């Protein structure tokens, strides 16, 4: 195991969000995992946001020991994503990059605040793909990877105060909320998160004695 800097960026809330064109994806309540691919080595590394393991039998065993509750993730990734992602990377010149990282969310029906129920089927959803030019912009991501289990697109259009309020009020049928993604003038991807009031209330009730520590 290797400790790493944050593999996936911390997404800010919508307080200072650019009111611009965006694609909003459902935000899932699970554990963020990353998987790293290189053309010669294939899928050679994986881990959480803060650690990384070699993607072999020994590395998977170390991962399972370090992260009880996440043991199903590697086999789901190999079964549902590894070959299909590799095929896209090899077929599309835009993914000819020294290495590529993909980001997924791991969760089950009862997962909450990073905790998972053991005897329950789990799911992996593809959130983002990052190559040497940065995170793939949202519409290209949907176009190139929609044949896989990607995060559900909730909304396309301008990010407005009305949309933010409607998400918070639960209009779009999401449990936790959404992540809005767009491009700035330099074609860099920006992201902001919007959480439902119902989810925030559930969090406050669960962590009422340790609310500040939870958000650190």
N, C-alpha and C. Protein backbone atom coordinates (compact mmCIF):
# COMPACT_ATOMS: atom_id res chain seq x y z
N UNK A 1 0.84 -1.20 0.00
CA UNK A 1 0.00 0.00 0.00
C UNK A 1 0.87 1.25 0.00
N UNK A 2 0.46 2.24 -0.77
CA UNK A 2 1.16 3.52 -0.81
C UNK A 2 0.17 4.63 -0.48
N UNK A 3 0.53 5.47 0.47
CA UNK A 3 -0.28 6.64 0.76
C UNK A 3 -0.07 7.66 -0.37
N UNK A 4 -1.16 8.26 -0.83
CA UNK A 4 -1.07 9.21 -1.94
C UNK A 4 -1.82 10.49 -1.59
N UNK A 5 -1.53 11.53 -2.38
CA UNK A 5 -2.35 12.72 -2.28
C UNK A 5 -3.74 12.40 -2.82
N UNK A 6 -4.68 13.24 -2.53
CA UNK A 6 -6.07 12.97 -2.89
C UNK A 6 -6.18 12.59 -4.36
N UNK A 7 -6.60 11.34 -4.63
CA UNK A 7 -6.68 10.86 -6.00
C UNK A 7 -7.79 11.54 -6.78
N UNK A 8 -8.90 11.79 -6.12
CA UNK A 8 -10.05 12.44 -6.75
C UNK A 8 -10.29 13.76 -6.04
N UNK A 9 -10.48 14.84 -6.78
CA UNK A 9 -10.56 16.15 -6.14
C UNK A 9 -11.75 16.29 -5.20
N UNK A 10 -11.57 17.09 -4.17
CA UNK A 10 -12.68 17.42 -3.27
C UNK A 10 -13.60 18.39 -4.02
N UNK A 11 -14.86 18.05 -4.13
CA UNK A 11 -15.79 18.84 -4.92
C UNK A 11 -16.42 19.92 -4.04
N UNK A 12 -16.30 21.19 -4.42
CA UNK A 12 -16.90 22.25 -3.60
C UNK A 12 -18.41 22.27 -3.73
N UNK A 13 -19.07 22.92 -2.77
CA UNK A 13 -20.52 23.06 -2.88
C UNK A 13 -20.84 24.18 -3.87
N UNK A 14 -22.11 24.49 -4.01
CA UNK A 14 -22.55 25.40 -5.07
C UNK A 14 -22.48 26.87 -4.68
N UNK A 15 -21.90 27.18 -3.53
CA UNK A 15 -21.87 28.56 -3.04
C UNK A 15 -21.26 29.51 -4.05
N UNK A 16 -20.14 29.13 -4.65
CA UNK A 16 -19.47 29.99 -5.64
C UNK A 16 -19.49 29.37 -7.03
N UNK A 17 -20.55 28.63 -7.33
CA UNK A 17 -20.64 27.90 -8.60
C UNK A 17 -20.78 28.88 -9.76
N UNK A 18 -20.11 28.60 -10.88
CA UNK A 18 -20.32 29.42 -12.08
C UNK A 18 -21.71 29.15 -12.66
N UNK A 19 -22.49 30.18 -12.87
CA UNK A 19 -23.83 30.01 -13.42
C UNK A 19 -23.70 29.90 -14.93
N UNK A 20 -23.30 28.71 -15.35
CA UNK A 20 -22.95 28.48 -16.74
C UNK A 20 -23.51 27.13 -17.19
N UNK A 21 -23.30 26.79 -18.44
CA UNK A 21 -23.76 25.52 -18.99
C UNK A 21 -23.11 24.36 -18.24
N UNK A 22 -23.91 23.36 -17.92
CA UNK A 22 -23.37 22.22 -17.17
C UNK A 22 -24.14 20.95 -17.51
N UNK A 23 -23.56 19.83 -17.11
CA UNK A 23 -24.24 18.55 -17.10
C UNK A 23 -24.25 18.09 -15.64
N UNK A 24 -25.42 17.76 -15.14
CA UNK A 24 -25.55 17.33 -13.75
C UNK A 24 -25.74 15.83 -13.69
N UNK A 25 -24.89 15.17 -12.91
CA UNK A 25 -24.93 13.72 -12.73
C UNK A 25 -25.41 13.41 -11.31
N UNK A 26 -26.09 12.27 -11.17
CA UNK A 26 -26.50 11.86 -9.83
C UNK A 26 -25.26 11.63 -8.96
N UNK A 27 -25.34 12.07 -7.70
CA UNK A 27 -24.27 11.84 -6.73
C UNK A 27 -24.68 10.67 -5.84
N UNK A 28 -23.82 9.67 -5.78
CA UNK A 28 -24.14 8.45 -5.05
C UNK A 28 -23.44 8.43 -3.70
N UNK A 29 -24.09 7.84 -2.74
CA UNK A 29 -23.57 7.79 -1.37
C UNK A 29 -22.79 6.49 -1.18
N UNK A 30 -21.49 6.55 -1.46
CA UNK A 30 -20.67 5.35 -1.36
C UNK A 30 -19.22 5.70 -1.08
N UNK A 31 -18.33 4.87 -1.62
CA UNK A 31 -16.88 5.06 -1.45
C UNK A 31 -16.25 5.29 -2.82
N UNK A 32 -15.49 6.36 -2.94
CA UNK A 32 -14.82 6.68 -4.20
C UNK A 32 -13.55 5.83 -4.34
N UNK A 33 -13.44 5.15 -5.47
CA UNK A 33 -12.28 4.31 -5.76
C UNK A 33 -11.69 4.70 -7.11
N UNK A 34 -10.36 4.59 -7.23
CA UNK A 34 -9.71 4.89 -8.51
C UNK A 34 -8.99 3.65 -9.03
N UNK A 35 -8.81 3.62 -10.37
CA UNK A 35 -8.22 2.47 -11.06
C UNK A 35 -7.30 3.04 -12.15
N UNK A 36 -6.07 2.57 -12.23
CA UNK A 36 -5.08 3.20 -13.11
C UNK A 36 -4.64 2.22 -14.20
N UNK A 37 -4.64 2.72 -15.44
CA UNK A 37 -4.33 1.91 -16.63
C UNK A 37 -3.17 2.52 -17.39
N UNK A 38 -2.31 1.65 -17.91
CA UNK A 38 -1.20 2.05 -18.79
C UNK A 38 -1.13 1.02 -19.91
N UNK A 39 -0.84 1.46 -21.12
CA UNK A 39 -0.98 0.59 -22.28
C UNK A 39 -0.16 -0.69 -22.18
N UNK A 40 1.05 -0.62 -21.67
CA UNK A 40 1.89 -1.80 -21.57
C UNK A 40 1.57 -2.64 -20.33
N UNK A 41 1.25 -1.98 -19.25
CA UNK A 41 1.02 -2.68 -17.98
C UNK A 41 -0.44 -3.10 -17.79
N UNK A 42 -1.34 -2.48 -18.53
CA UNK A 42 -2.76 -2.72 -18.31
C UNK A 42 -3.22 -2.04 -17.02
N UNK A 43 -4.18 -2.64 -16.34
CA UNK A 43 -4.67 -2.11 -15.06
C UNK A 43 -3.67 -2.52 -13.97
N UNK A 44 -2.87 -1.58 -13.53
CA UNK A 44 -1.76 -1.94 -12.65
C UNK A 44 -1.88 -1.40 -11.22
N UNK A 45 -2.82 -0.49 -10.97
CA UNK A 45 -2.94 0.07 -9.62
C UNK A 45 -4.38 0.46 -9.36
N UNK A 46 -4.75 0.50 -8.09
CA UNK A 46 -6.10 0.91 -7.69
C UNK A 46 -6.07 1.29 -6.23
N UNK A 47 -7.17 1.88 -5.76
CA UNK A 47 -7.24 2.22 -4.35
C UNK A 47 -8.35 3.20 -4.06
N UNK A 48 -8.31 3.76 -2.86
CA UNK A 48 -9.28 4.76 -2.44
C UNK A 48 -8.75 6.13 -2.83
N UNK A 49 -9.35 7.16 -2.29
CA UNK A 49 -8.89 8.51 -2.62
C UNK A 49 -7.52 8.80 -2.00
N UNK A 50 -7.14 8.07 -0.93
CA UNK A 50 -5.92 8.42 -0.19
C UNK A 50 -4.87 7.33 -0.15
N UNK A 51 -5.15 6.17 -0.78
CA UNK A 51 -4.12 5.13 -0.82
C UNK A 51 -4.21 4.37 -2.14
N UNK A 52 -3.13 3.65 -2.45
CA UNK A 52 -3.05 2.94 -3.72
C UNK A 52 -2.37 1.60 -3.52
N UNK A 53 -2.86 0.58 -4.26
CA UNK A 53 -2.36 -0.78 -4.16
C UNK A 53 -2.02 -1.29 -5.55
N UNK A 54 -1.08 -2.24 -5.62
CA UNK A 54 -0.80 -2.91 -6.88
C UNK A 54 -2.00 -3.77 -7.23
N UNK A 55 -2.41 -3.74 -8.50
CA UNK A 55 -3.61 -4.47 -8.90
C UNK A 55 -3.23 -5.91 -9.29
N UNK A 56 -2.87 -6.68 -8.27
CA UNK A 56 -2.63 -8.11 -8.43
C UNK A 56 -3.19 -8.82 -7.21
N UNK A 57 -3.01 -10.12 -7.12
CA UNK A 57 -3.62 -10.87 -6.02
C UNK A 57 -3.16 -10.38 -4.66
N UNK A 58 -1.85 -10.11 -4.54
CA UNK A 58 -1.32 -9.63 -3.26
C UNK A 58 -1.87 -8.26 -2.93
N UNK A 59 -1.90 -7.37 -3.93
CA UNK A 59 -2.42 -6.03 -3.70
C UNK A 59 -3.89 -6.05 -3.32
N UNK A 60 -4.66 -6.92 -3.96
CA UNK A 60 -6.08 -7.03 -3.63
C UNK A 60 -6.26 -7.54 -2.20
N UNK A 61 -5.44 -8.51 -1.80
CA UNK A 61 -5.50 -9.01 -0.42
C UNK A 61 -5.18 -7.90 0.58
N UNK A 62 -4.18 -7.08 0.26
CA UNK A 62 -3.81 -5.96 1.14
C UNK A 62 -4.94 -4.93 1.20
N UNK A 63 -5.54 -4.66 0.07
CA UNK A 63 -6.68 -3.74 0.00
C UNK A 63 -7.83 -4.24 0.86
N UNK A 64 -8.15 -5.52 0.74
CA UNK A 64 -9.25 -6.09 1.51
C UNK A 64 -9.00 -6.01 3.01
N UNK A 65 -7.75 -6.22 3.40
CA UNK A 65 -7.41 -6.14 4.82
C UNK A 65 -7.51 -4.70 5.33
N UNK A 66 -7.08 -3.76 4.48
CA UNK A 66 -7.08 -2.35 4.89
C UNK A 66 -8.49 -1.75 4.86
N UNK A 67 -9.35 -2.30 4.00
CA UNK A 67 -10.67 -1.68 3.80
C UNK A 67 -11.79 -2.72 3.86
N UNK A 68 -12.05 -3.26 5.05
CA UNK A 68 -13.16 -4.22 5.17
C UNK A 68 -14.46 -3.56 4.74
N UNK A 69 -15.23 -4.31 3.97
CA UNK A 69 -16.48 -3.78 3.44
C UNK A 69 -16.40 -3.42 1.97
N UNK A 70 -15.16 -3.30 1.45
CA UNK A 70 -14.97 -2.95 0.04
C UNK A 70 -14.47 -4.13 -0.79
N UNK A 71 -14.49 -5.32 -0.21
CA UNK A 71 -13.84 -6.48 -0.84
C UNK A 71 -14.40 -6.83 -2.22
N UNK A 72 -15.65 -6.51 -2.47
CA UNK A 72 -16.26 -6.88 -3.76
C UNK A 72 -15.83 -5.97 -4.91
N UNK A 73 -15.28 -4.81 -4.59
CA UNK A 73 -15.02 -3.80 -5.62
C UNK A 73 -14.09 -4.28 -6.74
N UNK A 74 -12.92 -4.89 -6.43
CA UNK A 74 -12.03 -5.30 -7.52
C UNK A 74 -12.66 -6.29 -8.49
N UNK A 75 -13.40 -7.27 -7.98
CA UNK A 75 -13.99 -8.25 -8.88
C UNK A 75 -15.10 -7.64 -9.73
N UNK A 76 -15.85 -6.69 -9.18
CA UNK A 76 -16.87 -6.00 -9.97
C UNK A 76 -16.21 -5.18 -11.07
N UNK A 77 -15.10 -4.52 -10.73
CA UNK A 77 -14.42 -3.71 -11.74
C UNK A 77 -13.90 -4.58 -12.88
N UNK A 78 -13.26 -5.68 -12.55
CA UNK A 78 -12.74 -6.58 -13.59
C UNK A 78 -13.88 -7.13 -14.43
N UNK A 79 -14.97 -7.50 -13.81
CA UNK A 79 -16.09 -8.10 -14.53
C UNK A 79 -16.81 -7.10 -15.44
N UNK A 80 -17.03 -5.89 -14.94
CA UNK A 80 -17.94 -4.97 -15.63
C UNK A 80 -17.26 -3.82 -16.37
N UNK A 81 -15.98 -3.55 -16.07
CA UNK A 81 -15.38 -2.34 -16.63
C UNK A 81 -14.05 -2.54 -17.34
N UNK A 82 -13.19 -3.39 -16.82
CA UNK A 82 -11.78 -3.40 -17.24
C UNK A 82 -11.61 -3.53 -18.76
N UNK A 83 -12.19 -4.56 -19.37
CA UNK A 83 -11.99 -4.79 -20.80
C UNK A 83 -12.69 -3.74 -21.65
N UNK A 84 -13.87 -3.32 -21.25
CA UNK A 84 -14.62 -2.33 -22.02
C UNK A 84 -13.91 -0.98 -22.02
N UNK A 85 -13.41 -0.57 -20.87
CA UNK A 85 -12.67 0.69 -20.81
C UNK A 85 -11.40 0.62 -21.65
N UNK A 86 -10.69 -0.47 -21.54
CA UNK A 86 -9.46 -0.65 -22.31
C UNK A 86 -9.74 -0.56 -23.81
N UNK A 87 -10.85 -1.11 -24.25
CA UNK A 87 -11.21 -1.06 -25.67
C UNK A 87 -11.44 0.38 -26.12
N UNK A 88 -12.09 1.18 -25.30
CA UNK A 88 -12.30 2.59 -25.64
C UNK A 88 -10.97 3.32 -25.71
N UNK A 89 -10.11 3.10 -24.73
CA UNK A 89 -8.82 3.78 -24.70
C UNK A 89 -7.99 3.45 -25.95
N UNK A 90 -8.00 2.19 -26.35
CA UNK A 90 -7.17 1.77 -27.47
C UNK A 90 -7.74 2.20 -28.82
N UNK A 91 -9.05 2.36 -28.90
CA UNK A 91 -9.68 2.69 -30.17
C UNK A 91 -9.73 4.19 -30.44
N UNK A 92 -9.63 5.00 -29.40
CA UNK A 92 -9.82 6.44 -29.53
C UNK A 92 -8.49 7.17 -29.31
N UNK A 93 -7.98 7.89 -30.32
CA UNK A 93 -6.70 8.59 -30.19
C UNK A 93 -6.68 9.60 -29.04
N UNK A 94 -7.85 10.11 -28.64
CA UNK A 94 -7.89 11.09 -27.56
C UNK A 94 -7.47 10.50 -26.22
N UNK A 95 -7.42 9.16 -26.14
CA UNK A 95 -7.01 8.51 -24.90
C UNK A 95 -5.62 7.90 -24.98
N UNK A 96 -4.85 8.33 -25.97
CA UNK A 96 -3.45 7.90 -26.03
C UNK A 96 -2.66 8.77 -25.07
N UNK A 97 -2.57 8.31 -23.86
CA UNK A 97 -2.01 9.06 -22.74
C UNK A 97 -1.04 8.16 -21.99
N UNK A 98 -0.01 8.74 -21.35
CA UNK A 98 0.95 7.91 -20.60
C UNK A 98 0.26 6.98 -19.60
N UNK A 99 -0.77 7.47 -18.94
CA UNK A 99 -1.60 6.61 -18.10
C UNK A 99 -2.96 7.27 -17.94
N UNK A 100 -3.93 6.47 -17.59
CA UNK A 100 -5.30 6.95 -17.43
C UNK A 100 -5.84 6.47 -16.10
N UNK A 101 -6.48 7.35 -15.38
CA UNK A 101 -7.14 6.99 -14.12
C UNK A 101 -8.65 7.09 -14.32
N UNK A 102 -9.37 6.12 -13.83
CA UNK A 102 -10.83 6.19 -13.84
C UNK A 102 -11.31 6.16 -12.39
N UNK A 103 -12.45 6.81 -12.18
CA UNK A 103 -12.98 6.96 -10.83
C UNK A 103 -14.39 6.40 -10.77
N UNK A 104 -14.64 5.62 -9.75
CA UNK A 104 -15.94 4.97 -9.58
C UNK A 104 -16.46 5.19 -8.16
N UNK A 105 -17.76 4.99 -8.00
CA UNK A 105 -18.37 4.98 -6.68
C UNK A 105 -18.85 3.57 -6.38
N UNK A 106 -18.52 3.07 -5.20
CA UNK A 106 -18.89 1.73 -4.75
C UNK A 106 -19.96 1.87 -3.68
N UNK A 107 -21.10 1.18 -3.86
CA UNK A 107 -22.17 1.33 -2.88
C UNK A 107 -23.20 0.20 -3.04
N UNK A 108 -24.00 0.04 -2.01
CA UNK A 108 -25.16 -0.85 -2.04
C UNK A 108 -26.40 -0.06 -1.71
N UNK A 109 -27.53 -0.72 -1.71
CA UNK A 109 -28.80 -0.02 -1.48
C UNK A 109 -28.87 0.66 -0.12
N UNK A 110 -28.16 0.11 0.87
CA UNK A 110 -28.22 0.67 2.23
C UNK A 110 -26.96 1.43 2.61
N UNK A 111 -26.04 1.60 1.68
CA UNK A 111 -24.80 2.33 2.00
C UNK A 111 -25.13 3.75 2.44
N UNK A 112 -24.36 4.22 3.42
CA UNK A 112 -24.61 5.56 3.96
C UNK A 112 -23.33 6.12 4.55
N UNK A 113 -22.95 7.31 4.09
CA UNK A 113 -21.79 8.03 4.63
C UNK A 113 -20.53 7.17 4.63
N UNK A 114 -20.33 6.41 3.55
CA UNK A 114 -19.14 5.59 3.42
C UNK A 114 -19.18 4.26 4.14
N UNK A 115 -20.32 3.93 4.73
CA UNK A 115 -20.47 2.66 5.42
C UNK A 115 -21.37 1.75 4.58
N UNK A 116 -21.02 0.45 4.55
CA UNK A 116 -21.70 -0.49 3.67
C UNK A 116 -22.19 -1.70 4.45
N UNK A 117 -23.38 -2.15 4.10
CA UNK A 117 -23.95 -3.34 4.72
C UNK A 117 -23.32 -4.57 4.07
N UNK A 118 -22.81 -5.48 4.89
CA UNK A 118 -22.02 -6.60 4.38
C UNK A 118 -22.83 -7.53 3.47
N UNK A 119 -23.96 -7.99 3.91
CA UNK A 119 -24.74 -8.99 3.16
C UNK A 119 -25.74 -8.31 2.23
N UNK A 120 -25.21 -7.55 1.27
CA UNK A 120 -26.05 -6.80 0.35
C UNK A 120 -25.30 -6.64 -0.97
N UNK A 121 -25.97 -6.83 -2.10
CA UNK A 121 -25.28 -6.66 -3.39
C UNK A 121 -24.73 -5.24 -3.53
N UNK A 122 -23.55 -5.16 -4.12
CA UNK A 122 -22.90 -3.87 -4.31
C UNK A 122 -22.82 -3.52 -5.79
N UNK A 123 -22.59 -2.25 -6.05
CA UNK A 123 -22.57 -1.72 -7.39
C UNK A 123 -21.35 -0.81 -7.56
N UNK A 124 -20.84 -0.73 -8.77
CA UNK A 124 -19.84 0.28 -9.13
C UNK A 124 -20.42 1.14 -10.23
N UNK A 125 -20.30 2.44 -10.09
CA UNK A 125 -20.73 3.38 -11.11
C UNK A 125 -19.53 4.22 -11.53
N UNK A 126 -19.35 4.38 -12.82
CA UNK A 126 -18.24 5.17 -13.36
C UNK A 126 -18.57 6.65 -13.25
N UNK A 127 -17.67 7.41 -12.61
CA UNK A 127 -17.88 8.83 -12.38
C UNK A 127 -17.10 9.71 -13.34
N UNK A 128 -15.81 9.41 -13.53
CA UNK A 128 -14.93 10.27 -14.31
C UNK A 128 -13.77 9.48 -14.87
N UNK A 129 -13.17 10.03 -15.92
CA UNK A 129 -11.96 9.49 -16.52
C UNK A 129 -10.95 10.64 -16.64
N UNK A 130 -9.71 10.38 -16.24
CA UNK A 130 -8.68 11.41 -16.27
C UNK A 130 -7.47 10.92 -17.05
N UNK A 131 -7.06 11.68 -18.06
CA UNK A 131 -5.84 11.37 -18.81
C UNK A 131 -4.88 12.55 -18.70
N UNK A 132 -3.88 12.62 -19.58
CA UNK A 132 -2.84 13.62 -19.38
C UNK A 132 -3.34 15.06 -19.52
N UNK A 133 -4.45 15.27 -20.21
CA UNK A 133 -4.98 16.63 -20.35
C UNK A 133 -5.97 16.99 -19.24
N UNK A 134 -6.20 16.06 -18.32
CA UNK A 134 -7.11 16.33 -17.21
C UNK A 134 -8.35 15.47 -17.27
N UNK A 135 -9.33 15.82 -16.44
CA UNK A 135 -10.59 15.07 -16.41
C UNK A 135 -11.35 15.31 -17.71
N UNK A 136 -11.86 14.25 -18.28
CA UNK A 136 -12.60 14.32 -19.54
C UNK A 136 -13.87 15.15 -19.32
N UNK A 137 -14.12 16.09 -20.26
CA UNK A 137 -15.27 16.98 -20.11
C UNK A 137 -16.56 16.17 -20.16
N UNK A 138 -17.61 16.68 -19.50
CA UNK A 138 -18.78 15.84 -19.23
C UNK A 138 -19.49 15.27 -20.46
N UNK A 139 -19.67 16.06 -21.50
CA UNK A 139 -20.41 15.54 -22.64
C UNK A 139 -19.59 14.51 -23.42
N UNK A 140 -18.27 14.69 -23.48
CA UNK A 140 -17.44 13.66 -24.08
C UNK A 140 -17.47 12.38 -23.25
N UNK A 141 -17.45 12.54 -21.94
CA UNK A 141 -17.54 11.40 -21.04
C UNK A 141 -18.81 10.60 -21.31
N UNK A 142 -19.94 11.28 -21.42
CA UNK A 142 -21.20 10.59 -21.69
C UNK A 142 -21.15 9.91 -23.06
N UNK A 143 -20.63 10.62 -24.04
CA UNK A 143 -20.57 10.08 -25.41
C UNK A 143 -19.70 8.83 -25.48
N UNK A 144 -18.55 8.86 -24.83
CA UNK A 144 -17.58 7.77 -24.97
C UNK A 144 -17.85 6.59 -24.05
N UNK A 145 -18.53 6.82 -22.93
CA UNK A 145 -18.63 5.75 -21.93
C UNK A 145 -20.06 5.39 -21.55
N UNK A 146 -21.05 5.87 -22.31
CA UNK A 146 -22.44 5.61 -21.94
C UNK A 146 -22.85 4.15 -22.09
N UNK A 147 -22.03 3.35 -22.79
CA UNK A 147 -22.32 1.92 -22.88
C UNK A 147 -22.01 1.20 -21.56
N UNK A 148 -21.31 1.87 -20.68
CA UNK A 148 -20.97 1.31 -19.36
C UNK A 148 -21.92 1.87 -18.31
N UNK A 149 -21.76 1.42 -17.09
CA UNK A 149 -22.61 1.87 -16.00
C UNK A 149 -22.07 3.20 -15.46
N UNK A 150 -22.46 4.30 -16.12
CA UNK A 150 -21.98 5.61 -15.70
C UNK A 150 -23.02 6.27 -14.80
N UNK A 151 -22.57 7.31 -14.10
CA UNK A 151 -23.50 8.08 -13.27
C UNK A 151 -24.65 8.61 -14.13
N UNK A 152 -25.84 8.56 -13.59
CA UNK A 152 -27.03 8.97 -14.34
C UNK A 152 -27.03 10.48 -14.58
N UNK A 153 -27.30 10.86 -15.82
CA UNK A 153 -27.43 12.28 -16.16
C UNK A 153 -28.80 12.75 -15.71
N UNK A 154 -28.81 13.75 -14.84
CA UNK A 154 -30.04 14.27 -14.26
C UNK A 154 -30.54 15.50 -15.02
N UNK A 155 -29.59 16.29 -15.55
CA UNK A 155 -29.96 17.60 -16.11
C UNK A 155 -28.86 18.06 -17.05
N UNK A 156 -29.28 18.72 -18.13
CA UNK A 156 -28.37 19.44 -19.02
C UNK A 156 -28.91 20.84 -19.21
N UNK A 157 -28.07 21.83 -19.04
CA UNK A 157 -28.53 23.21 -19.21
C UNK A 157 -27.72 24.15 -18.34
N UNK A 158 -28.21 25.36 -18.20
CA UNK A 158 -27.51 26.36 -17.40
C UNK A 158 -27.70 26.07 -15.91
N UNK A 159 -26.62 26.19 -15.17
CA UNK A 159 -26.70 26.06 -13.72
C UNK A 159 -27.31 27.34 -13.17
N UNK A 160 -28.46 27.22 -12.58
CA UNK A 160 -29.19 28.38 -12.07
C UNK A 160 -29.55 28.18 -10.60
N UNK A 161 -29.90 29.28 -9.95
CA UNK A 161 -30.37 29.19 -8.58
C UNK A 161 -31.63 28.36 -8.47
N UNK A 162 -32.49 28.42 -9.48
CA UNK A 162 -33.72 27.64 -9.49
C UNK A 162 -33.40 26.15 -9.51
N UNK A 163 -32.44 25.74 -10.37
CA UNK A 163 -32.08 24.33 -10.42
C UNK A 163 -31.48 23.88 -9.09
N UNK A 164 -30.59 24.67 -8.52
CA UNK A 164 -29.98 24.33 -7.24
C UNK A 164 -31.05 24.12 -6.18
N UNK A 165 -32.02 25.02 -6.12
CA UNK A 165 -33.09 24.91 -5.12
C UNK A 165 -33.94 23.68 -5.37
N UNK A 166 -34.23 23.37 -6.65
CA UNK A 166 -35.06 22.21 -6.95
C UNK A 166 -34.37 20.91 -6.57
N UNK A 167 -33.05 20.83 -6.77
CA UNK A 167 -32.31 19.65 -6.34
C UNK A 167 -32.41 19.51 -4.82
N UNK A 168 -32.19 20.59 -4.12
CA UNK A 168 -32.25 20.55 -2.66
C UNK A 168 -33.62 20.11 -2.15
N UNK A 169 -34.64 20.50 -2.87
CA UNK A 169 -36.01 20.16 -2.45
C UNK A 169 -36.41 18.75 -2.86
N UNK A 170 -35.54 18.05 -3.63
CA UNK A 170 -35.80 16.66 -3.98
C UNK A 170 -36.56 16.45 -5.27
N UNK A 171 -36.58 17.46 -6.14
CA UNK A 171 -37.38 17.35 -7.37
C UNK A 171 -36.86 16.28 -8.33
N UNK A 172 -35.56 16.06 -8.37
CA UNK A 172 -34.98 15.22 -9.42
C UNK A 172 -34.81 13.75 -9.04
N UNK A 173 -35.38 13.34 -7.94
CA UNK A 173 -35.38 11.93 -7.59
C UNK A 173 -34.01 11.37 -7.24
N UNK A 174 -33.16 12.20 -6.64
CA UNK A 174 -31.84 11.73 -6.21
C UNK A 174 -31.82 11.68 -4.68
N UNK A 175 -31.16 10.66 -4.15
CA UNK A 175 -31.13 10.50 -2.69
C UNK A 175 -30.16 11.48 -2.04
N UNK A 176 -28.92 11.50 -2.54
CA UNK A 176 -27.91 12.38 -1.94
C UNK A 176 -27.88 13.74 -2.62
N UNK A 177 -27.87 13.75 -3.93
CA UNK A 177 -27.79 15.03 -4.63
C UNK A 177 -27.23 14.84 -6.03
N UNK A 178 -26.58 15.89 -6.54
CA UNK A 178 -26.00 15.84 -7.88
C UNK A 178 -24.61 16.46 -7.86
N UNK A 179 -23.84 16.13 -8.90
CA UNK A 179 -22.58 16.81 -9.18
C UNK A 179 -22.72 17.47 -10.54
N UNK A 180 -22.57 18.78 -10.59
CA UNK A 180 -22.65 19.53 -11.84
C UNK A 180 -21.24 19.73 -12.39
N UNK A 181 -21.09 19.48 -13.69
CA UNK A 181 -19.78 19.59 -14.33
C UNK A 181 -19.91 20.43 -15.59
N UNK A 182 -18.91 21.30 -15.79
CA UNK A 182 -18.87 22.12 -16.99
C UNK A 182 -17.44 22.44 -17.36
N UNK A 183 -17.27 23.27 -18.38
CA UNK A 183 -15.94 23.66 -18.83
C UNK A 183 -15.76 25.16 -18.67
N UNK A 184 -14.54 25.56 -18.23
CA UNK A 184 -14.24 26.99 -18.18
C UNK A 184 -13.67 27.44 -19.52
N UNK A 185 -13.23 28.68 -19.61
CA UNK A 185 -12.75 29.23 -20.87
C UNK A 185 -11.48 28.55 -21.36
N UNK A 186 -10.74 27.93 -20.43
CA UNK A 186 -9.52 27.21 -20.81
C UNK A 186 -9.79 25.72 -21.06
N UNK A 187 -11.08 25.36 -21.12
CA UNK A 187 -11.51 23.98 -21.35
C UNK A 187 -11.15 23.04 -20.21
N UNK A 188 -10.92 23.59 -19.03
CA UNK A 188 -10.74 22.77 -17.84
C UNK A 188 -12.11 22.46 -17.24
N UNK A 189 -12.24 21.27 -16.67
CA UNK A 189 -13.52 20.86 -16.10
C UNK A 189 -13.67 21.40 -14.68
N UNK A 190 -14.80 22.05 -14.42
CA UNK A 190 -15.14 22.45 -13.05
C UNK A 190 -16.29 21.57 -12.55
N UNK A 191 -16.35 21.39 -11.24
CA UNK A 191 -17.37 20.56 -10.63
C UNK A 191 -17.88 21.22 -9.35
N UNK A 192 -19.17 21.13 -9.12
CA UNK A 192 -19.76 21.55 -7.84
C UNK A 192 -20.80 20.51 -7.44
N UNK A 193 -21.01 20.37 -6.15
CA UNK A 193 -22.01 19.41 -5.66
C UNK A 193 -23.19 20.14 -5.04
N UNK A 194 -24.36 19.54 -5.19
CA UNK A 194 -25.57 20.04 -4.56
C UNK A 194 -26.23 18.86 -3.85
N UNK A 195 -26.46 18.99 -2.56
CA UNK A 195 -27.06 17.89 -1.80
C UNK A 195 -28.49 18.23 -1.43
N UNK A 196 -29.32 17.19 -1.35
CA UNK A 196 -30.72 17.41 -0.99
C UNK A 196 -30.82 17.74 0.50
N UNK A 197 -31.84 18.50 0.83
CA UNK A 197 -32.08 18.83 2.24
C UNK A 197 -32.39 17.59 3.05
N UNK A 198 -33.08 16.64 2.43
CA UNK A 198 -33.41 15.39 3.13
C UNK A 198 -32.15 14.63 3.50
N UNK A 199 -31.17 14.60 2.58
CA UNK A 199 -29.93 13.88 2.87
C UNK A 199 -29.14 14.61 3.97
N UNK A 200 -29.10 15.93 3.90
CA UNK A 200 -28.37 16.69 4.92
C UNK A 200 -28.99 16.49 6.30
N UNK A 201 -30.32 16.41 6.33
CA UNK A 201 -30.99 16.17 7.61
C UNK A 201 -30.64 14.79 8.15
N UNK A 202 -30.60 13.81 7.24
CA UNK A 202 -30.25 12.45 7.65
C UNK A 202 -28.82 12.41 8.20
N UNK A 203 -27.90 13.12 7.55
CA UNK A 203 -26.53 13.18 8.04
C UNK A 203 -26.45 13.83 9.41
N UNK A 204 -27.15 14.93 9.57
CA UNK A 204 -27.11 15.63 10.85
C UNK A 204 -27.64 14.76 11.98
N UNK A 205 -28.67 14.01 11.68
CA UNK A 205 -29.23 13.12 12.71
C UNK A 205 -28.26 12.00 13.05
N UNK A 206 -27.57 11.46 12.03
CA UNK A 206 -26.65 10.35 12.25
C UNK A 206 -25.39 10.80 12.98
N UNK A 207 -24.96 12.03 12.72
CA UNK A 207 -23.70 12.52 13.28
C UNK A 207 -23.93 13.71 14.21
N UNK A 208 -25.08 13.76 14.86
CA UNK A 208 -25.43 14.94 15.65
C UNK A 208 -24.44 15.22 16.77
N UNK A 209 -23.75 14.18 17.25
CA UNK A 209 -22.78 14.39 18.32
C UNK A 209 -21.37 14.61 17.80
N UNK A 210 -21.21 14.51 16.49
CA UNK A 210 -19.86 14.62 15.93
C UNK A 210 -19.92 15.29 14.55
N UNK A 211 -20.81 16.26 14.39
CA UNK A 211 -21.06 16.87 13.07
C UNK A 211 -19.83 17.58 12.53
N UNK A 212 -19.14 18.35 13.37
CA UNK A 212 -17.97 19.09 12.89
C UNK A 212 -16.86 18.15 12.49
N UNK A 213 -16.64 17.08 13.26
CA UNK A 213 -15.60 16.11 12.93
C UNK A 213 -15.91 15.43 11.61
N UNK A 214 -17.19 15.12 11.36
CA UNK A 214 -17.56 14.45 10.10
C UNK A 214 -17.14 15.28 8.90
N UNK A 215 -17.27 16.59 8.98
CA UNK A 215 -17.00 17.45 7.82
C UNK A 215 -15.54 17.85 7.69
N UNK A 216 -14.69 17.48 8.60
CA UNK A 216 -13.28 17.84 8.50
C UNK A 216 -12.61 17.10 7.34
